[in-house]
Structure formats: C-alpha cells, structure tokens
Amino acid sequence: MPELSLAALNAIGVPYARMGVVDAPGSHWPEVVAAMAKDGAFGVILLQPTTPAKPRDHQRLAARLRESGTTLLTTTPWPGAALQLTTTDRTTEGLSDGWGQVTSRTVTAHCTGHGRAGTRTRTVRLLLPGPDGTAQPAPVAAERTTPPADATTA
C-alpha cells in the first residue's frame, strides 16, 4: 500500500508496535489476517486484499477480530463492517503548473455505520493536514464575487 502513511496513523495515536500492514498477502490473506489478529497481537491491521474473500472467511475473520479487539482497515468494501469511510471531492493545495509541493489536501469524508455505530451517514469537509498537522474541518470557501463581464470600472 504505497499510498498509505504509517506516520499519519502514528500521529493520530496508533503506535508503530501495534500496526500490522498486509501489503501483498496473495490469495492466502484471510489466513494471514487471522494469524495477525490472534490474541490481539496487533491493535490495527491494514489490508489491501488481492482477491475476494469467501463469505465463510468473512464470518471467521469477523469473529476473530471481535474476540481479539483488533481493528481491520481495508482498501475495499468489507461486508458487515461497522463503519465505512469514503472520500470524494479531493483537491490539493501547493502545486502549480507541474512544480511545487503539496501543502494540504481537502476532501469530503463520508462515514456510514450500522449496528451500534448507527445508520446515519455523516459528511464533513476536511483539511488534511490542518495547520497543526492533524485533520481539521476545512474552512468554508468564500464565494467569489466577480463583476459582470460588461461592468466598467472608473
């Protein structure tokens, strides 16, 4: 998962020692995740599945994760997930005409839950990162007031 920032996860409080990254697990990823979740060896497992799981594997893994208290974050939809987080309307700041450095990214984040997490979708516009390095609500864009094309100025 080259686009993943382990430093960002660490910055929000996930210790490196409790992270498990399954980068290229192949077709045996359900067994790999089950082993990593055994006895709560990892608090958080990050997964990019390479093949779909069988329904039986989903049920078995869900039980293992629940009993060990492990959180599984995947890059693909997961049937029965308590929460689903998606982003849309992504924009970046800092780049200009093929040069520069990305200084921030603004996204619209949508969080949908079920069960104890609730069924309401929550949507928020976020600045990643904010001035202090954490995710923050994005400032409301000011409406541009452009004079009409035929307006004249003196």
C-alpha atoms as a PDB file:
ATOM      1  CA  MET A   1       0.000   0.000   0.000  1.00  0.00           C
ATOM      2  CA  PRO A   2       2.379   2.698  -1.167  1.00  0.00           C
ATOM      3  CA  GLU A   3      -0.173   5.490  -0.712  1.00  0.00           C
ATOM      4  CA  LEU A   4      -0.575   4.722   2.997  1.00  0.00           C
ATOM      5  CA  SER A   5       1.154   6.931   5.520  1.00  0.00           C
ATOM      6  CA  LEU A   6       2.129   4.977   8.607  1.00  0.00           C
ATOM      7  CA  ALA A   7       3.486   8.213  10.069  1.00  0.00           C
ATOM      8  CA  ALA A   8      -0.001   9.745   9.760  1.00  0.00           C
ATOM      9  CA  LEU A   9      -1.520   6.830  11.668  1.00  0.00           C
ATOM     10  CA  ASN A  10       1.170   7.177  14.310  1.00  0.00           C
ATOM     11  CA  ALA A  11       0.467  10.911  14.558  1.00  0.00           C
ATOM     12  CA  ILE A  12      -3.171  10.211  15.460  1.00  0.00           C
ATOM     13  CA  GLY A  13      -2.131   7.840  18.235  1.00  0.00           C
ATOM     14  CA  VAL A  14      -1.638   4.370  16.717  1.00  0.00           C
ATOM     15  CA  PRO A  15       1.764   3.128  17.989  1.00  0.00           C
ATOM     16  CA  TYR A  16       4.002   1.576  15.334  1.00  0.00           C
ATOM     17  CA  ALA A  17       4.403  -1.526  17.518  1.00  0.00           C
ATOM     18  CA  ARG A  18       0.652  -2.185  17.278  1.00  0.00           C
ATOM     19  CA  MET A  19       0.356  -1.736  13.477  1.00  0.00           C
ATOM     20  CA  GLY A  20       0.248  -4.653  11.086  1.00  0.00           C
ATOM     21  CA  VAL A  21       0.498  -3.978   7.368  1.00  0.00           C
ATOM     22  CA  VAL A  22      -0.521  -6.700   4.934  1.00  0.00           C
ATOM     23  CA  ASP A  23       0.868  -5.252   1.718  1.00  0.00           C
ATOM     24  CA  ALA A  24       0.867  -8.191  -0.721  1.00  0.00           C
ATOM     25  CA  PRO A  25      -0.794 -11.117   1.030  1.00  0.00           C
ATOM     26  CA  GLY A  26      -1.704 -13.062  -2.118  1.00  0.00           C
ATOM     27  CA  SER A  27      -4.659 -15.413  -2.098  1.00  0.00           C
ATOM     28  CA  HIS A  28      -3.953 -16.539   1.491  1.00  0.00           C
ATOM     29  CA  TRP A  29      -4.710 -13.159   3.015  1.00  0.00           C
ATOM     30  CA  PRO A  30      -7.596 -14.457   5.202  1.00  0.00           C
ATOM     31  CA  GLU A  31      -5.181 -16.835   6.958  1.00  0.00           C
ATOM     32  CA  VAL A  32      -2.562 -14.079   7.331  1.00  0.00           C
ATOM     33  CA  VAL A  33      -5.074 -11.674   8.877  1.00  0.00           C
ATOM     34  CA  ALA A  34      -6.441 -14.373  11.210  1.00  0.00           C
ATOM     35  CA  ALA A  35      -2.904 -15.131  12.449  1.00  0.00           C
ATOM     36  CA  MET A  36      -2.149 -11.438  12.982  1.00  0.00           C
ATOM     37  CA  ALA A  37      -5.368 -10.936  14.943  1.00  0.00           C
ATOM     38  CA  LYS A  38      -4.811 -13.960  17.189  1.00  0.00           C
ATOM     39  CA  ASP A  39      -4.646 -12.943  20.852  1.00  0.00           C
ATOM     40  CA  GLY A  40      -4.746  -9.259  19.892  1.00  0.00           C
ATOM     41  CA  ALA A  41      -1.157  -9.291  18.593  1.00  0.00           C
ATOM     42  CA  PHE A  42      -1.928  -6.123  16.613  1.00  0.00           C
ATOM     43  CA  GLY A  43      -4.387  -3.409  17.561  1.00  0.00           C
ATOM     44  CA  VAL A  44      -4.832  -2.321  13.950  1.00  0.00           C
ATOM     45  CA  ILE A  45      -4.353  -4.350  10.759  1.00  0.00           C
ATOM     46  CA  LEU A  46      -4.203  -2.530   7.432  1.00  0.00           C
ATOM     47  CA  LEU A  47      -5.200  -4.717   4.499  1.00  0.00           C
ATOM     48  CA  GLN A  48      -5.313  -4.421   0.739  1.00  0.00           C
ATOM     49  CA  PRO A  49      -6.929  -7.726  -0.296  1.00  0.00           C
ATOM     50  CA  THR A  50      -5.774  -9.100  -3.628  1.00  0.00           C
ATOM     51  CA  THR A  51      -8.693 -11.492  -4.075  1.00  0.00           C
ATOM     52  CA  PRO A  52     -12.276 -11.521  -2.787  1.00  0.00           C
ATOM     53  CA  ALA A  53     -12.902 -13.492   0.384  1.00  0.00           C
ATOM     54  CA  LYS A  54     -15.444 -16.251   0.667  1.00  0.00           C
ATOM     55  CA  PRO A  55     -18.428 -15.461   2.939  1.00  0.00           C
ATOM     56  CA  ARG A  56     -17.169 -18.155   5.339  1.00  0.00           C
ATOM     57  CA  ASP A  57     -13.807 -16.349   5.595  1.00  0.00           C
ATOM     58  CA  HIS A  58     -15.554 -13.033   6.356  1.00  0.00           C
ATOM     59  CA  GLN A  59     -17.545 -14.631   9.180  1.00  0.00           C
ATOM     60  CA  ARG A  60     -14.495 -16.369  10.652  1.00  0.00           C
ATOM     61  CA  LEU A  61     -12.365 -13.222  10.479  1.00  0.00           C
ATOM     62  CA  ALA A  62     -15.126 -11.051  11.950  1.00  0.00           C
ATOM     63  CA  ALA A  63     -15.334 -13.406  14.944  1.00  0.00           C
ATOM     64  CA  ARG A  64     -11.536 -13.443  15.390  1.00  0.00           C
ATOM     65  CA  LEU A  65     -11.315  -9.648  15.166  1.00  0.00           C
ATOM     66  CA  ARG A  66     -14.196  -9.197  17.611  1.00  0.00           C
ATOM     67  CA  GLU A  67     -12.746 -11.563  20.224  1.00  0.00           C
ATOM     68  CA  SER A  68      -9.234 -10.094  19.965  1.00  0.00           C
ATOM     69  CA  GLY A  69     -10.346  -6.455  19.901  1.00  0.00           C
ATOM     70  CA  THR A  70      -8.423  -5.861  16.660  1.00  0.00           C
ATOM     71  CA  THR A  71      -9.491  -3.190  14.174  1.00  0.00           C
ATOM     72  CA  LEU A  72      -9.260  -4.091  10.489  1.00  0.00           C
ATOM     73  CA  LEU A  73      -8.901  -1.281   7.937  1.00  0.00           C
ATOM     74  CA  THR A  74      -9.261  -2.344   4.312  1.00  0.00           C
ATOM     75  CA  THR A  75      -8.993  -0.576   0.987  1.00  0.00           C
ATOM     76  CA  THR A  76     -12.019  -2.436  -0.355  1.00  0.00           C
ATOM     77  CA  PRO A  77     -15.612  -2.734   0.885  1.00  0.00           C
ATOM     78  CA  TRP A  78     -15.971  -5.253   3.711  1.00  0.00           C
ATOM     79  CA  PRO A  79     -19.370  -6.943   4.202  1.00  0.00           C
ATOM     80  CA  GLY A  80     -20.612  -6.368   7.724  1.00  0.00           C
ATOM     81  CA  ALA A  81     -18.136  -3.581   8.532  1.00  0.00           C
ATOM     82  CA  ALA A  82     -19.282  -1.433  11.440  1.00  0.00           C
ATOM     83  CA  LEU A  83     -18.150   1.727   9.632  1.00  0.00           C
ATOM     84  CA  GLN A  84     -17.398   2.595   6.039  1.00  0.00           C
ATOM     85  CA  LEU A  85     -15.314   5.691   5.306  1.00  0.00           C
ATOM     86  CA  THR A  86     -15.104   7.102   1.797  1.00  0.00           C
ATOM     87  CA  THR A  87     -13.799  10.360   0.388  1.00  0.00           C
ATOM     88  CA  THR A  88     -14.901  12.437  -2.577  1.00  0.00           C
ATOM     89  CA  ASP A  89     -14.221  15.912  -3.966  1.00  0.00           C
ATOM     90  CA  ARG A  90     -10.477  15.741  -3.356  1.00  0.00           C
ATOM     91  CA  THR A  91      -8.440  18.880  -4.060  1.00  0.00           C
ATOM     92  CA  THR A  92      -4.808  19.681  -3.340  1.00  0.00           C
ATOM     93  CA  GLU A  93      -3.039  22.918  -2.480  1.00  0.00           C
ATOM     94  CA  GLY A  94       0.547  23.869  -3.141  1.00  0.00           C
ATOM     95  CA  LEU A  95       1.161  22.538  -6.662  1.00  0.00           C
ATOM     96  CA  SER A  96       1.344  24.959  -9.545  1.00  0.00           C
ATOM     97  CA  ASP A  97       1.983  24.256 -13.227  1.00  0.00           C
ATOM     98  CA  GLY A  98       3.824  20.984 -12.604  1.00  0.00           C
ATOM     99  CA  TRP A  99       6.042  22.158  -9.767  1.00  0.00           C
ATOM    100  CA  GLY A 100       5.824  22.793  -6.049  1.00  0.00           C
ATOM    101  CA  GLN A 101       4.929  20.718  -3.040  1.00  0.00           C
ATOM    102  CA  VAL A 102       1.531  19.568  -1.831  1.00  0.00           C
ATOM    103  CA  THR A 103       0.872  21.538   1.353  1.00  0.00           C
ATOM    104  CA  SER A 104      -2.624  20.278   2.090  1.00  0.00           C
ATOM    105  CA  ARG A 105      -5.480  18.270   0.695  1.00  0.00           C
ATOM    106  CA  THR A 106      -9.158  18.948   1.152  1.00  0.00           C
ATOM    107  CA  VAL A 107     -11.629  16.072   0.938  1.00  0.00           C
ATOM    108  CA  THR A 108     -15.267  15.434   1.633  1.00  0.00           C
ATOM    109  CA  ALA A 109     -15.379  12.462   4.016  1.00  0.00           C
ATOM    110  CA  HIS A 110     -18.485  10.286   4.312  1.00  0.00           C
ATOM    111  CA  CYS A 111     -18.851   7.898   7.258  1.00  0.00           C
ATOM    112  CA  THR A 112     -21.660   5.361   7.258  1.00  0.00           C
ATOM    113  CA  GLY A 113     -22.273   2.920  10.092  1.00  0.00           C
ATOM    114  CA  HIS A 114     -24.599   0.148  11.069  1.00  0.00           C
ATOM    115  CA  GLY A 115     -25.492  -1.628  14.292  1.00  0.00           C
ATOM    116  CA  ARG A 116     -24.081   0.171  17.329  1.00  0.00           C
ATOM    117  CA  ALA A 117     -22.324   2.628  15.013  1.00  0.00           C
ATOM    118  CA  GLY A 118     -25.711   3.930  13.835  1.00  0.00           C
ATOM    119  CA  THR A 119     -27.220   4.088  10.367  1.00  0.00           C
ATOM    120  CA  ARG A 120     -26.906   7.775   9.608  1.00  0.00           C
ATOM    121  CA  THR A 121     -24.280   8.908   7.100  1.00  0.00           C
ATOM    122  CA  ARG A 122     -22.123  11.717   8.395  1.00  0.00           C
ATOM    123  CA  THR A 123     -20.390  14.006   5.924  1.00  0.00           C
ATOM    124  CA  VAL A 124     -17.712  16.572   6.677  1.00  0.00           C
ATOM    125  CA  ARG A 125     -15.264  18.592   4.610  1.00  0.00           C
ATOM    126  CA  LEU A 126     -11.731  18.040   5.985  1.00  0.00           C
ATOM    127  CA  LEU A 127      -8.366  19.719   5.600  1.00  0.00           C
ATOM    128  CA  LEU A 128      -5.582  17.100   5.605  1.00  0.00           C
ATOM    129  CA  PRO A 129      -3.423  18.151   7.331  1.00  0.00           C
ATOM    130  CA  GLY A 130      -4.581  21.248   9.120  1.00  0.00           C
ATOM    131  CA  PRO A 131      -2.144  23.893  10.394  1.00  0.00           C
ATOM    132  CA  ASP A 132      -1.210  21.771  13.427  1.00  0.00           C
ATOM    133  CA  GLY A 133      -0.661  18.604  11.371  1.00  0.00           C
ATOM    134  CA  THR A 134      -3.971  16.920  12.221  1.00  0.00           C
ATOM    135  CA  ALA A 135      -7.211  16.528  10.275  1.00  0.00           C
ATOM    136  CA  GLN A 136      -9.410  19.579  10.794  1.00  0.00           C
ATOM    137  CA  PRO A 137     -12.690  20.861   9.409  1.00  0.00           C
ATOM    138  CA  ALA A 138     -11.975  22.651   6.147  1.00  0.00           C
ATOM    139  CA  PRO A 139     -12.681  26.360   6.079  1.00  0.00           C
ATOM    140  CA  VAL A 140     -15.815  27.288   4.207  1.00  0.00           C
ATOM    141  CA  ALA A 141     -14.810  28.601   0.808  1.00  0.00           C
ATOM    142  CA  ALA A 142     -15.674  32.240   0.370  1.00  0.00           C
ATOM    143  CA  GLU A 143     -17.886  32.906  -2.608  1.00  0.00           C
ATOM    144  CA  ARG A 144     -16.073  34.798  -5.310  1.00  0.00           C
ATOM    145  CA  THR A 145     -17.731  37.984  -6.348  1.00  0.00           C
ATOM    146  CA  THR A 146     -16.802  38.570  -9.953  1.00  0.00           C
ATOM    147  CA  PRO A 147     -18.156  41.685 -11.608  1.00  0.00           C
ATOM    148  CA  PRO A 148     -20.317  41.081 -14.662  1.00  0.00           C
ATOM    149  CA  ALA A 149     -18.387  40.863 -17.929  1.00  0.00           C
ATOM    150  CA  ASP A 150     -19.846  44.144 -19.170  1.00  0.00           C
ATOM    151  CA  ALA A 151     -19.088  46.096 -15.980  1.00  0.00           C
ATOM    152  CA  THR A 152     -16.772  49.037 -16.344  1.00  0.00           C
ATOM    153  CA  THR A 153     -14.548  50.484 -13.706  1.00  0.00           C
ATOM    154  CA  ALA A 154     -13.510  54.091 -13.475  1.00  0.00           C
END
